[in-house]
């Protein structure tokens, strides 16, 4: 977990590789559907362009299907899900139906102004149309209002692992590995 620009995607890919599990990124799945102009992609595009979250019913169904795939059976890293309190409840039900559970929830903590600069730089280098400064600031607000409450939920369950997300990706990655439950 962490706000947009915290490095969740970068760290999730590395951690999934390290653990030999599936990297499950809702953002990547949405972007793939947008580029392929699928019905889901067209619906998701409107929300993404405005910096809003894609509705739960679309996201939940997609995650449920993905978690049921063979490569997620032994280990998986969720990247960008859950994002809302309602999605936490849905994820609990999905995991219970699959006979699995979360081992931990990593929260990347990064200075808010650093996040904005990271995302503006990413927009320049990757050409992502959804990374304008206004949209970036709005997504930070959406995160604070809708996703930050999950920190309290997972903290209360003893699953939250807070990691300093400032610095080079390799440094942050090592902090994550060092903080993982053994």
C-alpha atoms as a PDB file:
ATOM      1  CA  UNK A   1       0.000   0.000   0.000  1.00  0.00           C
ATOM      2  CA  UNK A   2       0.928   3.594  -0.414  1.00  0.00           C
ATOM      3  CA  UNK A   3      -0.170   6.628  -2.359  1.00  0.00           C
ATOM      4  CA  UNK A   4       0.298   6.917  -6.115  1.00  0.00           C
ATOM      5  CA  UNK A   5       4.004   7.326  -6.853  1.00  0.00           C
ATOM      6  CA  UNK A   6       5.209   5.561  -3.702  1.00  0.00           C
ATOM      7  CA  UNK A   7       6.829   2.793  -5.762  1.00  0.00           C
ATOM      8  CA  UNK A   8       4.277   0.040  -5.185  1.00  0.00           C
ATOM      9  CA  UNK A   9       4.512  -1.326  -8.716  1.00  0.00           C
ATOM     10  CA  UNK A  10       8.295  -1.390  -8.810  1.00  0.00           C
ATOM     11  CA  UNK A  11       8.543  -3.042  -5.412  1.00  0.00           C
ATOM     12  CA  UNK A  12       5.688  -5.498  -6.049  1.00  0.00           C
ATOM     13  CA  UNK A  13       7.353  -6.853  -9.195  1.00  0.00           C
ATOM     14  CA  UNK A  14      10.652  -7.406  -7.381  1.00  0.00           C
ATOM     15  CA  UNK A  15       9.011  -8.968  -4.345  1.00  0.00           C
ATOM     16  CA  UNK A  16       6.872 -11.310  -6.455  1.00  0.00           C
ATOM     17  CA  UNK A  17      10.003 -12.463  -8.287  1.00  0.00           C
ATOM     18  CA  UNK A  18      11.859 -12.961  -5.005  1.00  0.00           C
ATOM     19  CA  UNK A  19       8.990 -14.991  -3.530  1.00  0.00           C
ATOM     20  CA  UNK A  20       8.273 -16.893  -6.741  1.00  0.00           C
ATOM     21  CA  UNK A  21       4.679 -15.717  -6.754  1.00  0.00           C
ATOM     22  CA  UNK A  22       2.256 -13.839  -8.959  1.00  0.00           C
ATOM     23  CA  UNK A  23       2.376 -10.057  -9.279  1.00  0.00           C
ATOM     24  CA  UNK A  24      -1.269  -8.959  -9.448  1.00  0.00           C
ATOM     25  CA  UNK A  25      -1.545  -5.326 -10.517  1.00  0.00           C
ATOM     26  CA  UNK A  26      -4.995  -3.899 -11.086  1.00  0.00           C
ATOM     27  CA  UNK A  27      -3.435  -0.866 -12.759  1.00  0.00           C
ATOM     28  CA  UNK A  28      -1.580  -3.034 -15.290  1.00  0.00           C
ATOM     29  CA  UNK A  29      -4.732  -5.024 -16.008  1.00  0.00           C
ATOM     30  CA  UNK A  30      -6.751  -1.831 -16.480  1.00  0.00           C
ATOM     31  CA  UNK A  31      -4.108  -0.275 -18.767  1.00  0.00           C
ATOM     32  CA  UNK A  32      -3.903  -3.466 -20.866  1.00  0.00           C
ATOM     33  CA  UNK A  33      -7.670  -3.402 -21.324  1.00  0.00           C
ATOM     34  CA  UNK A  34      -7.560   0.297 -22.236  1.00  0.00           C
ATOM     35  CA  UNK A  35      -4.865  -0.250 -24.870  1.00  0.00           C
ATOM     36  CA  UNK A  36      -6.842  -3.188 -26.304  1.00  0.00           C
ATOM     37  CA  UNK A  37     -10.010  -1.049 -26.208  1.00  0.00           C
ATOM     38  CA  UNK A  38     -12.020  -3.781 -24.495  1.00  0.00           C
ATOM     39  CA  UNK A  39     -15.396  -2.956 -22.948  1.00  0.00           C
ATOM     40  CA  UNK A  40     -13.764  -3.063 -19.492  1.00  0.00           C
ATOM     41  CA  UNK A  41     -10.965  -0.852 -20.754  1.00  0.00           C
ATOM     42  CA  UNK A  42     -13.326   1.761 -22.123  1.00  0.00           C
ATOM     43  CA  UNK A  43     -15.250   1.834 -18.832  1.00  0.00           C
ATOM     44  CA  UNK A  44     -12.046   1.985 -16.793  1.00  0.00           C
ATOM     45  CA  UNK A  45     -10.542   4.742 -18.993  1.00  0.00           C
ATOM     46  CA  UNK A  46     -13.157   7.296 -17.942  1.00  0.00           C
ATOM     47  CA  UNK A  47     -12.368   6.782 -14.266  1.00  0.00           C
ATOM     48  CA  UNK A  48      -8.593   6.594 -14.712  1.00  0.00           C
ATOM     49  CA  UNK A  49      -8.442   9.804 -16.769  1.00  0.00           C
ATOM     50  CA  UNK A  50     -10.271  11.627 -13.981  1.00  0.00           C
ATOM     51  CA  UNK A  51      -7.996  10.175 -11.302  1.00  0.00           C
ATOM     52  CA  UNK A  52     -10.879   8.207  -9.803  1.00  0.00           C
ATOM     53  CA  UNK A  53     -10.976   4.567  -8.756  1.00  0.00           C
ATOM     54  CA  UNK A  54     -12.559   2.060 -11.124  1.00  0.00           C
ATOM     55  CA  UNK A  55     -15.843   0.798  -9.564  1.00  0.00           C
ATOM     56  CA  UNK A  56     -15.553  -2.078  -7.116  1.00  0.00           C
ATOM     57  CA  UNK A  57     -17.720  -4.536  -9.035  1.00  0.00           C
ATOM     58  CA  UNK A  58     -15.315  -4.451 -12.011  1.00  0.00           C
ATOM     59  CA  UNK A  59     -12.186  -4.533  -9.883  1.00  0.00           C
ATOM     60  CA  UNK A  60     -13.386  -7.230  -7.453  1.00  0.00           C
ATOM     61  CA  UNK A  61     -14.399  -9.644 -10.223  1.00  0.00           C
ATOM     62  CA  UNK A  62     -11.079  -9.155 -11.964  1.00  0.00           C
ATOM     63  CA  UNK A  63      -9.058  -9.769  -8.785  1.00  0.00           C
ATOM     64  CA  UNK A  64     -11.095 -12.841  -7.859  1.00  0.00           C
ATOM     65  CA  UNK A  65     -10.451 -14.402 -11.262  1.00  0.00           C
ATOM     66  CA  UNK A  66      -6.752 -13.544 -11.106  1.00  0.00           C
ATOM     67  CA  UNK A  67      -6.234 -14.951  -7.592  1.00  0.00           C
ATOM     68  CA  UNK A  68      -7.771 -18.258  -8.713  1.00  0.00           C
ATOM     69  CA  UNK A  69      -5.096 -18.772 -11.379  1.00  0.00           C
ATOM     70  CA  UNK A  70      -2.395 -21.394 -10.827  1.00  0.00           C
ATOM     71  CA  UNK A  71       0.552 -18.996 -10.519  1.00  0.00           C
ATOM     72  CA  UNK A  72      -1.101 -17.302  -7.514  1.00  0.00           C
ATOM     73  CA  UNK A  73      -1.703 -20.540  -5.609  1.00  0.00           C
ATOM     74  CA  UNK A  74       1.496 -20.553  -3.513  1.00  0.00           C
ATOM     75  CA  UNK A  75       2.328 -16.838  -3.342  1.00  0.00           C
ATOM     76  CA  UNK A  76       1.016 -13.547  -4.672  1.00  0.00           C
ATOM     77  CA  UNK A  77       1.624  -9.841  -4.280  1.00  0.00           C
ATOM     78  CA  UNK A  78      -1.370  -7.542  -4.689  1.00  0.00           C
ATOM     79  CA  UNK A  79      -0.457  -4.206  -6.246  1.00  0.00           C
ATOM     80  CA  UNK A  80      -3.192  -1.574  -6.163  1.00  0.00           C
ATOM     81  CA  UNK A  81      -5.801  -3.712  -4.403  1.00  0.00           C
ATOM     82  CA  UNK A  82      -7.611  -3.394  -2.081  1.00  0.00           C
ATOM     83  CA  UNK A  83      -8.113   0.365  -2.251  1.00  0.00           C
ATOM     84  CA  UNK A  84     -11.336   0.804  -0.271  1.00  0.00           C
ATOM     85  CA  UNK A  85     -12.820  -0.511   2.959  1.00  0.00           C
ATOM     86  CA  UNK A  86     -15.464  -2.399   0.945  1.00  0.00           C
ATOM     87  CA  UNK A  87     -12.733  -4.062  -1.116  1.00  0.00           C
ATOM     88  CA  UNK A  88     -11.093  -5.286   2.099  1.00  0.00           C
ATOM     89  CA  UNK A  89     -14.283  -7.176   2.969  1.00  0.00           C
ATOM     90  CA  UNK A  90     -14.536  -8.581  -0.545  1.00  0.00           C
ATOM     91  CA  UNK A  91     -10.879  -9.639  -0.480  1.00  0.00           C
ATOM     92  CA  UNK A  92     -11.428 -11.363   2.870  1.00  0.00           C
ATOM     93  CA  UNK A  93     -14.226 -13.403   1.274  1.00  0.00           C
ATOM     94  CA  UNK A  94     -12.189 -14.198  -1.849  1.00  0.00           C
ATOM     95  CA  UNK A  95      -9.213 -15.380   0.199  1.00  0.00           C
ATOM     96  CA  UNK A  96     -11.430 -17.463   2.488  1.00  0.00           C
ATOM     97  CA  UNK A  97     -13.051 -19.149  -0.533  1.00  0.00           C
ATOM     98  CA  UNK A  98      -9.567 -19.958  -1.880  1.00  0.00           C
ATOM     99  CA  UNK A  99      -8.372 -21.250   1.509  1.00  0.00           C
ATOM    100  CA  UNK A 100      -5.596 -18.685   1.851  1.00  0.00           C
ATOM    101  CA  UNK A 101      -4.808 -15.511   3.796  1.00  0.00           C
ATOM    102  CA  UNK A 102      -2.605 -12.456   3.794  1.00  0.00           C
ATOM    103  CA  UNK A 103       0.769 -12.764   5.511  1.00  0.00           C
ATOM    104  CA  UNK A 104       1.328  -9.030   5.616  1.00  0.00           C
ATOM    105  CA  UNK A 105       0.455  -5.645   4.151  1.00  0.00           C
ATOM    106  CA  UNK A 106       3.382  -3.414   3.249  1.00  0.00           C
ATOM    107  CA  UNK A 107       2.821   0.319   3.463  1.00  0.00           C
ATOM    108  CA  UNK A 108       5.350   2.462   1.599  1.00  0.00           C
ATOM    109  CA  UNK A 109       5.663   5.830   3.334  1.00  0.00           C
ATOM    110  CA  UNK A 110       6.847   8.703   1.113  1.00  0.00           C
ATOM    111  CA  UNK A 111       6.815  12.495   1.490  1.00  0.00           C
ATOM    112  CA  UNK A 112       3.770  13.909  -0.409  1.00  0.00           C
ATOM    113  CA  UNK A 113       5.745  16.470  -2.433  1.00  0.00           C
ATOM    114  CA  UNK A 114       8.266  13.787  -3.400  1.00  0.00           C
ATOM    115  CA  UNK A 115       5.343  11.731  -4.721  1.00  0.00           C
ATOM    116  CA  UNK A 116       4.194  14.533  -6.987  1.00  0.00           C
ATOM    117  CA  UNK A 117       7.699  15.047  -8.384  1.00  0.00           C
ATOM    118  CA  UNK A 118       8.084  11.299  -9.004  1.00  0.00           C
ATOM    119  CA  UNK A 119       4.799  11.149 -10.893  1.00  0.00           C
ATOM    120  CA  UNK A 120       5.569  14.215 -12.995  1.00  0.00           C
ATOM    121  CA  UNK A 121       8.909  12.656 -13.923  1.00  0.00           C
ATOM    122  CA  UNK A 122       7.165   9.353 -14.750  1.00  0.00           C
ATOM    123  CA  UNK A 123       4.738  11.261 -16.997  1.00  0.00           C
ATOM    124  CA  UNK A 124       7.680  12.749 -18.911  1.00  0.00           C
ATOM    125  CA  UNK A 125       9.481   9.440 -19.372  1.00  0.00           C
ATOM    126  CA  UNK A 126       6.557   7.064 -19.911  1.00  0.00           C
ATOM    127  CA  UNK A 127       4.073   9.281 -21.690  1.00  0.00           C
ATOM    128  CA  UNK A 128       1.241   8.301 -19.336  1.00  0.00           C
ATOM    129  CA  UNK A 129      -1.640  10.657 -20.107  1.00  0.00           C
ATOM    130  CA  UNK A 130      -3.121  10.182 -16.613  1.00  0.00           C
ATOM    131  CA  UNK A 131      -0.098  11.809 -14.924  1.00  0.00           C
ATOM    132  CA  UNK A 132      -0.899  15.533 -15.179  1.00  0.00           C
ATOM    133  CA  UNK A 133      -0.246  17.588 -12.042  1.00  0.00           C
ATOM    134  CA  UNK A 134      -3.954  18.243 -11.417  1.00  0.00           C
ATOM    135  CA  UNK A 135      -4.824  14.551 -11.770  1.00  0.00           C
ATOM    136  CA  UNK A 136      -1.832  13.585  -9.592  1.00  0.00           C
ATOM    137  CA  UNK A 137      -2.939  15.912  -6.794  1.00  0.00           C
ATOM    138  CA  UNK A 138      -6.516  14.663  -7.081  1.00  0.00           C
ATOM    139  CA  UNK A 139      -5.352  11.021  -6.888  1.00  0.00           C
ATOM    140  CA  UNK A 140      -3.417  11.873  -3.722  1.00  0.00           C
ATOM    141  CA  UNK A 141      -6.643  13.261  -2.208  1.00  0.00           C
ATOM    142  CA  UNK A 142      -8.623  10.194  -3.304  1.00  0.00           C
ATOM    143  CA  UNK A 143      -5.972   7.979  -1.712  1.00  0.00           C
ATOM    144  CA  UNK A 144      -6.131   9.886   1.568  1.00  0.00           C
ATOM    145  CA  UNK A 145      -9.918   9.709   1.680  1.00  0.00           C
ATOM    146  CA  UNK A 146     -10.522   6.171   0.452  1.00  0.00           C
ATOM    147  CA  UNK A 147      -7.391   4.072   0.876  1.00  0.00           C
ATOM    148  CA  UNK A 148      -5.611   5.458   3.917  1.00  0.00           C
ATOM    149  CA  UNK A 149      -8.333   4.006   6.242  1.00  0.00           C
ATOM    150  CA  UNK A 150      -7.099   0.545   5.222  1.00  0.00           C
ATOM    151  CA  UNK A 151      -3.889   1.261   7.102  1.00  0.00           C
ATOM    152  CA  UNK A 152      -5.895   1.334  10.337  1.00  0.00           C
ATOM    153  CA  UNK A 153      -7.751  -1.880   9.424  1.00  0.00           C
ATOM    154  CA  UNK A 154      -4.628  -3.866   8.599  1.00  0.00           C
ATOM    155  CA  UNK A 155      -2.747  -2.323  11.509  1.00  0.00           C
ATOM    156  CA  UNK A 156      -5.509  -3.498  13.833  1.00  0.00           C
ATOM    157  CA  UNK A 157      -5.134  -7.012  12.435  1.00  0.00           C
ATOM    158  CA  UNK A 158      -1.389  -6.963  13.093  1.00  0.00           C
ATOM    159  CA  UNK A 159      -0.608  -7.263   9.380  1.00  0.00           C
ATOM    160  CA  UNK A 160       0.742  -3.789   8.614  1.00  0.00           C
ATOM    161  CA  UNK A 161       4.453  -3.501   7.807  1.00  0.00           C
ATOM    162  CA  UNK A 162       5.458   0.153   7.484  1.00  0.00           C
ATOM    163  CA  UNK A 163       8.496   0.755   5.246  1.00  0.00           C
ATOM    164  CA  UNK A 164      10.292   4.000   4.402  1.00  0.00           C
ATOM    165  CA  UNK A 165       9.716   4.429   0.653  1.00  0.00           C
ATOM    166  CA  UNK A 166      12.197   7.283   0.199  1.00  0.00           C
ATOM    167  CA  UNK A 167      15.426   6.654  -1.693  1.00  0.00           C
ATOM    168  CA  UNK A 168      16.560   4.455  -4.548  1.00  0.00           C
ATOM    169  CA  UNK A 169      14.403   1.484  -5.535  1.00  0.00           C
ATOM    170  CA  UNK A 170      17.068  -1.040  -4.488  1.00  0.00           C
ATOM    171  CA  UNK A 171      17.360   0.522  -1.040  1.00  0.00           C
ATOM    172  CA  UNK A 172      13.580   0.456  -0.546  1.00  0.00           C
ATOM    173  CA  UNK A 173      13.453  -3.130  -1.805  1.00  0.00           C
ATOM    174  CA  UNK A 174      16.029  -4.199   0.752  1.00  0.00           C
ATOM    175  CA  UNK A 175      14.073  -2.447   3.528  1.00  0.00           C
ATOM    176  CA  UNK A 176      10.997  -4.433   2.478  1.00  0.00           C
ATOM    177  CA  UNK A 177      12.850  -7.740   2.501  1.00  0.00           C
ATOM    178  CA  UNK A 178      14.332  -6.931   5.916  1.00  0.00           C
ATOM    179  CA  UNK A 179      10.859  -6.108   7.298  1.00  0.00           C
ATOM    180  CA  UNK A 180       9.084  -9.244   6.025  1.00  0.00           C
ATOM    181  CA  UNK A 181       7.788 -11.736   8.584  1.00  0.00           C
ATOM    182  CA  UNK A 182      10.014 -14.782   8.802  1.00  0.00           C
END
